[in-house]
Amino acid sequence: MPLFNLVKVWGEFVAEVLEPGERLIAMGYFNPDVYGDSSRLERTSDELDPHELEQLHQTGGRPGQSGRWIKGFGWTGLQLNPNRTRRLISGSLGSGSPESVAGRLWRGTRDVETAALEWVVTDRRLVFLNRLSGQPPKFAVHYAVPRSVIGSVRRHSKLFFQWGRCELTFTDGSTFAMMLAALDVSAANRFVRALSDSA
């Protein structure tokens, strides 16, 4: 069990930034800086570096999406595919086009200036909040996804302290992984239960 219930501790402050009549169900910490394979989340041309742009123009294929373990051989010897290694150890961060639900969520929660976000499940949405101040806490909605586009959610632990990892599948077929805690599985269980129960 968690040391304290964030809904009870911060619920009244979170309610200030929710929509009128929206009901808070569950809440927890979310760190967007998760180590994993992001190659299946397609990037737009302006997000590619010069080397990747050259590969795109030469082959027509998106960089990094190869499923092969070995990329090739070079003067340093065997060149392994780092995406496959990350996928084995930490799993995939998701899949989908830039316009997919997962693609937009990935962009909406990465490169966050604050150290962490709080996730909030309501009867209407999955919301990511920035905590702007300490006492009393002030929150701002950073990104939100309607519950209607969430097809399913499951716990999917990986190696090396990723027991609190969850995966979302959206109605457009895209997927997104969230790391809610390294060791504490109760956070992941609360998240799955809140999104699985009918509002």
C-alpha atoms as a PDB file:
ATOM      1  CA  MET A   1       0.000   0.000   0.000  1.00  0.00           C
ATOM      2  CA  PRO A   2       1.220   3.575  -0.649  1.00  0.00           C
ATOM      3  CA  LEU A   3       2.472   5.614   2.275  1.00  0.00           C
ATOM      4  CA  PHE A   4      -0.316   8.140   1.759  1.00  0.00           C
ATOM      5  CA  ASN A   5      -3.346   8.544  -0.454  1.00  0.00           C
ATOM      6  CA  LEU A   6      -2.744  11.441  -2.866  1.00  0.00           C
ATOM      7  CA  VAL A   7      -6.455  11.777  -3.581  1.00  0.00           C
ATOM      8  CA  LYS A   8      -7.097  12.488   0.094  1.00  0.00           C
ATOM      9  CA  VAL A   9      -4.047  14.714   0.487  1.00  0.00           C
ATOM     10  CA  TRP A  10      -4.367  16.791  -2.703  1.00  0.00           C
ATOM     11  CA  GLY A  11      -7.885  16.060  -3.940  1.00  0.00           C
ATOM     12  CA  GLU A  12      -9.369  19.443  -3.027  1.00  0.00           C
ATOM     13  CA  PHE A  13      -6.541  21.249  -4.817  1.00  0.00           C
ATOM     14  CA  VAL A  14      -6.774  19.048  -7.905  1.00  0.00           C
ATOM     15  CA  ALA A  15     -10.528  19.671  -8.064  1.00  0.00           C
ATOM     16  CA  GLU A  16      -9.771  23.348  -8.738  1.00  0.00           C
ATOM     17  CA  VAL A  17      -8.366  22.540 -12.201  1.00  0.00           C
ATOM     18  CA  LEU A  18     -10.877  19.857 -13.213  1.00  0.00           C
ATOM     19  CA  GLU A  19     -13.966  20.492 -15.310  1.00  0.00           C
ATOM     20  CA  PRO A  20     -17.227  21.305 -13.493  1.00  0.00           C
ATOM     21  CA  GLY A  21     -18.738  18.098 -12.143  1.00  0.00           C
ATOM     22  CA  GLU A  22     -15.680  15.990 -13.022  1.00  0.00           C
ATOM     23  CA  ARG A  23     -14.987  13.354 -10.363  1.00  0.00           C
ATOM     24  CA  LEU A  24     -11.455  12.480  -9.204  1.00  0.00           C
ATOM     25  CA  ILE A  25     -10.949   8.710  -8.865  1.00  0.00           C
ATOM     26  CA  ALA A  26      -7.205   8.038  -8.507  1.00  0.00           C
ATOM     27  CA  MET A  27      -3.897   9.879  -8.548  1.00  0.00           C
ATOM     28  CA  GLY A  28      -0.182   9.156  -8.497  1.00  0.00           C
ATOM     29  CA  TYR A  29       3.293  10.156  -9.666  1.00  0.00           C
ATOM     30  CA  PHE A  30       4.465   9.862 -13.260  1.00  0.00           C
ATOM     31  CA  ASN A  31       8.003  10.430 -14.481  1.00  0.00           C
ATOM     32  CA  PRO A  32       8.043  11.050 -18.251  1.00  0.00           C
ATOM     33  CA  ASP A  33      11.777  10.319 -18.538  1.00  0.00           C
ATOM     34  CA  VAL A  34      11.526   6.560 -19.026  1.00  0.00           C
ATOM     35  CA  TYR A  35      14.318   4.505 -20.573  1.00  0.00           C
ATOM     36  CA  GLY A  36      12.915   2.349 -23.331  1.00  0.00           C
ATOM     37  CA  ASP A  37      12.577   1.872 -27.062  1.00  0.00           C
ATOM     38  CA  SER A  38      10.772   4.792 -28.681  1.00  0.00           C
ATOM     39  CA  SER A  39      11.504   3.744 -32.275  1.00  0.00           C
ATOM     40  CA  ARG A  40       7.930   2.577 -32.874  1.00  0.00           C
ATOM     41  CA  LEU A  41       6.590   6.026 -32.052  1.00  0.00           C
ATOM     42  CA  GLU A  42       7.040   7.637 -35.445  1.00  0.00           C
ATOM     43  CA  ARG A  43       8.648  11.037 -35.603  1.00  0.00           C
ATOM     44  CA  THR A  44       7.936  13.851 -38.014  1.00  0.00           C
ATOM     45  CA  SER A  45      10.633  14.898 -40.480  1.00  0.00           C
ATOM     46  CA  ASP A  46      11.515  17.978 -38.434  1.00  0.00           C
ATOM     47  CA  GLU A  47      12.204  15.745 -35.398  1.00  0.00           C
ATOM     48  CA  LEU A  48      14.841  13.685 -37.232  1.00  0.00           C
ATOM     49  CA  ASP A  49      18.545  14.465 -37.043  1.00  0.00           C
ATOM     50  CA  PRO A  50      20.527  14.966 -40.311  1.00  0.00           C
ATOM     51  CA  HIS A  51      21.732  11.339 -40.381  1.00  0.00           C
ATOM     52  CA  GLU A  52      18.177  10.027 -39.948  1.00  0.00           C
ATOM     53  CA  LEU A  53      16.866  12.406 -42.625  1.00  0.00           C
ATOM     54  CA  GLU A  54      19.483  11.108 -45.034  1.00  0.00           C
ATOM     55  CA  GLN A  55      18.446   7.520 -44.271  1.00  0.00           C
ATOM     56  CA  LEU A  56      14.797   8.435 -44.831  1.00  0.00           C
ATOM     57  CA  HIS A  57      15.574   9.973 -48.230  1.00  0.00           C
ATOM     58  CA  GLN A  58      17.815   7.084 -49.299  1.00  0.00           C
ATOM     59  CA  THR A  59      15.700   4.137 -48.171  1.00  0.00           C
ATOM     60  CA  GLY A  60      12.247   5.605 -47.729  1.00  0.00           C
ATOM     61  CA  GLY A  61      12.078   3.798 -44.378  1.00  0.00           C
ATOM     62  CA  ARG A  62      11.710   5.426 -40.998  1.00  0.00           C
ATOM     63  CA  PRO A  63      14.963   5.319 -38.995  1.00  0.00           C
ATOM     64  CA  GLY A  64      15.261   3.008 -36.035  1.00  0.00           C
ATOM     65  CA  GLN A  65      12.272   0.789 -36.770  1.00  0.00           C
ATOM     66  CA  SER A  66      14.249  -2.271 -37.765  1.00  0.00           C
ATOM     67  CA  GLY A  67      13.530  -5.387 -35.734  1.00  0.00           C
ATOM     68  CA  ARG A  68      16.970  -6.841 -36.387  1.00  0.00           C
ATOM     69  CA  TRP A  69      19.396  -7.374 -33.531  1.00  0.00           C
ATOM     70  CA  ILE A  70      22.442  -6.631 -35.711  1.00  0.00           C
ATOM     71  CA  LYS A  71      22.575  -3.352 -37.635  1.00  0.00           C
ATOM     72  CA  GLY A  72      25.735  -4.228 -39.517  1.00  0.00           C
ATOM     73  CA  PHE A  73      29.485  -4.312 -39.286  1.00  0.00           C
ATOM     74  CA  GLY A  74      31.914  -1.432 -39.005  1.00  0.00           C
ATOM     75  CA  TRP A  75      35.521  -0.725 -38.167  1.00  0.00           C
ATOM     76  CA  THR A  76      34.633  -1.275 -34.485  1.00  0.00           C
ATOM     77  CA  GLY A  77      33.134  -4.671 -35.243  1.00  0.00           C
ATOM     78  CA  LEU A  78      29.570  -5.884 -34.811  1.00  0.00           C
ATOM     79  CA  GLN A  79      26.998  -3.070 -34.519  1.00  0.00           C
ATOM     80  CA  LEU A  80      23.979  -4.007 -32.420  1.00  0.00           C
ATOM     81  CA  ASN A  81      20.604  -2.327 -32.753  1.00  0.00           C
ATOM     82  CA  PRO A  82      20.256  -0.234 -29.545  1.00  0.00           C
ATOM     83  CA  ASN A  83      16.471  -0.121 -29.936  1.00  0.00           C
ATOM     84  CA  ARG A  84      16.229  -3.904 -29.629  1.00  0.00           C
ATOM     85  CA  THR A  85      18.409  -3.834 -26.502  1.00  0.00           C
ATOM     86  CA  ARG A  86      16.253  -1.123 -24.903  1.00  0.00           C
ATOM     87  CA  ARG A  87      13.104  -3.016 -25.868  1.00  0.00           C
ATOM     88  CA  LEU A  88      14.409  -6.216 -24.253  1.00  0.00           C
ATOM     89  CA  ILE A  89      15.394  -4.536 -20.991  1.00  0.00           C
ATOM     90  CA  SER A  90      12.829  -1.764 -20.596  1.00  0.00           C
ATOM     91  CA  GLY A  91      10.163  -2.525 -23.166  1.00  0.00           C
ATOM     92  CA  SER A  92       8.675  -0.349 -25.856  1.00  0.00           C
ATOM     93  CA  LEU A  93       7.566   3.180 -24.988  1.00  0.00           C
ATOM     94  CA  GLY A  94       4.731   2.758 -27.436  1.00  0.00           C
ATOM     95  CA  SER A  95       3.749   2.719 -31.075  1.00  0.00           C
ATOM     96  CA  GLY A  96       1.850   4.973 -33.408  1.00  0.00           C
ATOM     97  CA  SER A  97       2.046   7.792 -35.907  1.00  0.00           C
ATOM     98  CA  PRO A  98       2.647  11.407 -34.864  1.00  0.00           C
ATOM     99  CA  GLU A  99      -1.098  12.048 -35.137  1.00  0.00           C
ATOM    100  CA  SER A 100      -2.140   8.965 -33.147  1.00  0.00           C
ATOM    101  CA  VAL A 101      -3.375   9.254 -29.564  1.00  0.00           C
ATOM    102  CA  ALA A 102      -0.134   7.681 -28.300  1.00  0.00           C
ATOM    103  CA  GLY A 103       2.016   9.886 -30.534  1.00  0.00           C
ATOM    104  CA  ARG A 104       0.379  13.051 -29.251  1.00  0.00           C
ATOM    105  CA  LEU A 105       0.523  11.810 -25.635  1.00  0.00           C
ATOM    106  CA  TRP A 106       4.218  10.960 -25.983  1.00  0.00           C
ATOM    107  CA  ARG A 107       4.967  14.451 -27.253  1.00  0.00           C
ATOM    108  CA  GLY A 108       2.710  15.990 -24.647  1.00  0.00           C
ATOM    109  CA  THR A 109       4.504  14.383 -21.700  1.00  0.00           C
ATOM    110  CA  ARG A 110       8.155  14.350 -22.751  1.00  0.00           C
ATOM    111  CA  ASP A 111      10.658  17.154 -22.180  1.00  0.00           C
ATOM    112  CA  VAL A 112       8.693  18.349 -19.178  1.00  0.00           C
ATOM    113  CA  GLU A 113      10.443  21.142 -17.299  1.00  0.00           C
ATOM    114  CA  THR A 114       9.373  19.885 -13.885  1.00  0.00           C
ATOM    115  CA  ALA A 115      10.985  16.758 -12.465  1.00  0.00           C
ATOM    116  CA  ALA A 116       7.733  14.829 -12.562  1.00  0.00           C
ATOM    117  CA  LEU A 117       4.065  14.991 -13.365  1.00  0.00           C
ATOM    118  CA  GLU A 118       1.116  13.678 -11.432  1.00  0.00           C
ATOM    119  CA  TRP A 119      -1.318  11.415 -13.246  1.00  0.00           C
ATOM    120  CA  VAL A 120      -4.980  11.734 -12.426  1.00  0.00           C
ATOM    121  CA  VAL A 121      -7.828   9.451 -13.460  1.00  0.00           C
ATOM    122  CA  THR A 122     -11.272  11.005 -13.396  1.00  0.00           C
ATOM    123  CA  ASP A 123     -14.634   9.755 -14.558  1.00  0.00           C
ATOM    124  CA  ARG A 124     -13.960  11.566 -17.864  1.00  0.00           C
ATOM    125  CA  ARG A 125     -10.239  11.747 -18.557  1.00  0.00           C
ATOM    126  CA  LEU A 126      -6.683  10.646 -17.903  1.00  0.00           C
ATOM    127  CA  VAL A 127      -5.016  13.911 -16.903  1.00  0.00           C
ATOM    128  CA  PHE A 128      -1.375  14.849 -16.383  1.00  0.00           C
ATOM    129  CA  LEU A 129      -0.823  17.696 -13.937  1.00  0.00           C
ATOM    130  CA  ASN A 130       2.110  19.982 -13.244  1.00  0.00           C
ATOM    131  CA  ARG A 131       2.499  20.874  -9.580  1.00  0.00           C
ATOM    132  CA  LEU A 132       3.372  24.561  -9.668  1.00  0.00           C
ATOM    133  CA  SER A 133       3.883  25.221  -5.963  1.00  0.00           C
ATOM    134  CA  GLY A 134       4.370  23.400  -2.682  1.00  0.00           C
ATOM    135  CA  GLN A 135       2.170  24.618   0.176  1.00  0.00           C
ATOM    136  CA  PRO A 136      -0.644  24.861  -0.551  1.00  0.00           C
ATOM    137  CA  PRO A 137      -0.143  23.008  -3.832  1.00  0.00           C
ATOM    138  CA  LYS A 138      -1.240  24.626  -7.083  1.00  0.00           C
ATOM    139  CA  PHE A 139      -1.822  22.438 -10.113  1.00  0.00           C
ATOM    140  CA  ALA A 140      -2.158  23.073 -13.836  1.00  0.00           C
ATOM    141  CA  VAL A 141      -3.384  20.657 -16.486  1.00  0.00           C
ATOM    142  CA  HIS A 142      -0.393  19.727 -18.641  1.00  0.00           C
ATOM    143  CA  TYR A 143      -2.053  17.176 -20.931  1.00  0.00           C
ATOM    144  CA  ALA A 144      -5.289  15.173 -20.961  1.00  0.00           C
ATOM    145  CA  VAL A 145      -6.749  12.212 -22.826  1.00  0.00           C
ATOM    146  CA  PRO A 146     -10.475  11.399 -22.873  1.00  0.00           C
ATOM    147  CA  ARG A 147     -11.313   8.018 -21.370  1.00  0.00           C
ATOM    148  CA  SER A 148     -13.365   7.274 -24.489  1.00  0.00           C
ATOM    149  CA  VAL A 149     -10.161   6.794 -26.549  1.00  0.00           C
ATOM    150  CA  ILE A 150      -8.594   4.350 -24.057  1.00  0.00           C
ATOM    151  CA  GLY A 151      -9.280   0.833 -25.261  1.00  0.00           C
ATOM    152  CA  SER A 152      -7.466  -1.119 -22.557  1.00  0.00           C
ATOM    153  CA  VAL A 153      -4.826  -0.860 -19.845  1.00  0.00           C
ATOM    154  CA  ARG A 154      -2.634  -3.510 -18.247  1.00  0.00           C
ATOM    155  CA  ARG A 155       0.329  -3.906 -15.959  1.00  0.00           C
ATOM    156  CA  HIS A 156       3.350  -5.092 -17.887  1.00  0.00           C
ATOM    157  CA  SER A 157       6.442  -5.314 -15.716  1.00  0.00           C
ATOM    158  CA  LYS A 158       9.930  -5.472 -17.181  1.00  0.00           C
ATOM    159  CA  LEU A 159      13.380  -6.300 -15.850  1.00  0.00           C
ATOM    160  CA  PHE A 160      15.481  -4.047 -13.648  1.00  0.00           C
ATOM    161  CA  PHE A 161      13.058  -2.359 -11.271  1.00  0.00           C
ATOM    162  CA  GLN A 162      10.135  -1.687 -13.581  1.00  0.00           C
ATOM    163  CA  TRP A 163       7.439  -3.483 -11.628  1.00  0.00           C
ATOM    164  CA  GLY A 164       5.155  -0.452 -11.739  1.00  0.00           C
ATOM    165  CA  ARG A 165       5.045  -0.258 -15.537  1.00  0.00           C
ATOM    166  CA  CYS A 166       1.677  -0.017 -17.314  1.00  0.00           C
ATOM    167  CA  GLU A 167       0.697  -0.104 -20.967  1.00  0.00           C
ATOM    168  CA  LEU A 168      -2.243   1.710 -22.535  1.00  0.00           C
ATOM    169  CA  THR A 169      -3.826   0.676 -25.828  1.00  0.00           C
ATOM    170  CA  PHE A 170      -5.973   3.278 -27.535  1.00  0.00           C
ATOM    171  CA  THR A 171      -8.954   2.854 -29.818  1.00  0.00           C
ATOM    172  CA  ASP A 172      -6.863   3.869 -32.861  1.00  0.00           C
ATOM    173  CA  GLY A 173      -4.487   0.943 -32.203  1.00  0.00           C
ATOM    174  CA  SER A 174      -1.601   3.045 -30.878  1.00  0.00           C
ATOM    175  CA  THR A 175       0.066   2.160 -27.562  1.00  0.00           C
ATOM    176  CA  PHE A 176       1.839   4.052 -24.775  1.00  0.00           C
ATOM    177  CA  ALA A 177       3.801   2.779 -21.756  1.00  0.00           C
ATOM    178  CA  MET A 178       3.903   4.558 -18.409  1.00  0.00           C
ATOM    179  CA  MET A 179       6.377   4.020 -15.601  1.00  0.00           C
ATOM    180  CA  LEU A 180       4.489   4.759 -12.394  1.00  0.00           C
ATOM    181  CA  ALA A 181       6.939   3.308  -9.884  1.00  0.00           C
ATOM    182  CA  ALA A 182      10.115   1.274  -9.903  1.00  0.00           C
ATOM    183  CA  LEU A 183       9.200  -1.162  -7.130  1.00  0.00           C
ATOM    184  CA  ASP A 184       5.776  -0.144  -5.807  1.00  0.00           C
ATOM    185  CA  VAL A 185       3.198  -2.184  -7.729  1.00  0.00           C
ATOM    186  CA  SER A 186       0.300  -0.624  -5.804  1.00  0.00           C
ATOM    187  CA  ALA A 187       0.577   2.560  -7.898  1.00  0.00           C
ATOM    188  CA  ALA A 188       0.229   0.543 -11.090  1.00  0.00           C
ATOM    189  CA  ASN A 189      -2.630  -1.485  -9.624  1.00  0.00           C
ATOM    190  CA  ARG A 190      -4.519   1.691  -8.674  1.00  0.00           C
ATOM    191  CA  PHE A 191      -3.986   3.098 -12.164  1.00  0.00           C
ATOM    192  CA  VAL A 192      -5.237  -0.049 -13.919  1.00  0.00           C
ATOM    193  CA  ARG A 193      -8.196  -0.436 -11.567  1.00  0.00           C
ATOM    194  CA  ALA A 194      -9.240   3.218 -11.972  1.00  0.00           C
ATOM    195  CA  LEU A 195      -9.171   3.044 -15.769  1.00  0.00           C
ATOM    196  CA  SER A 196     -10.732  -0.429 -15.959  1.00  0.00           C
ATOM    197  CA  ASP A 197     -13.711   0.320 -13.737  1.00  0.00           C
ATOM    198  CA  SER A 198     -16.631   1.923 -15.486  1.00  0.00           C
ATOM    199  CA  ALA A 199     -17.042   5.559 -14.565  1.00  0.00           C
END
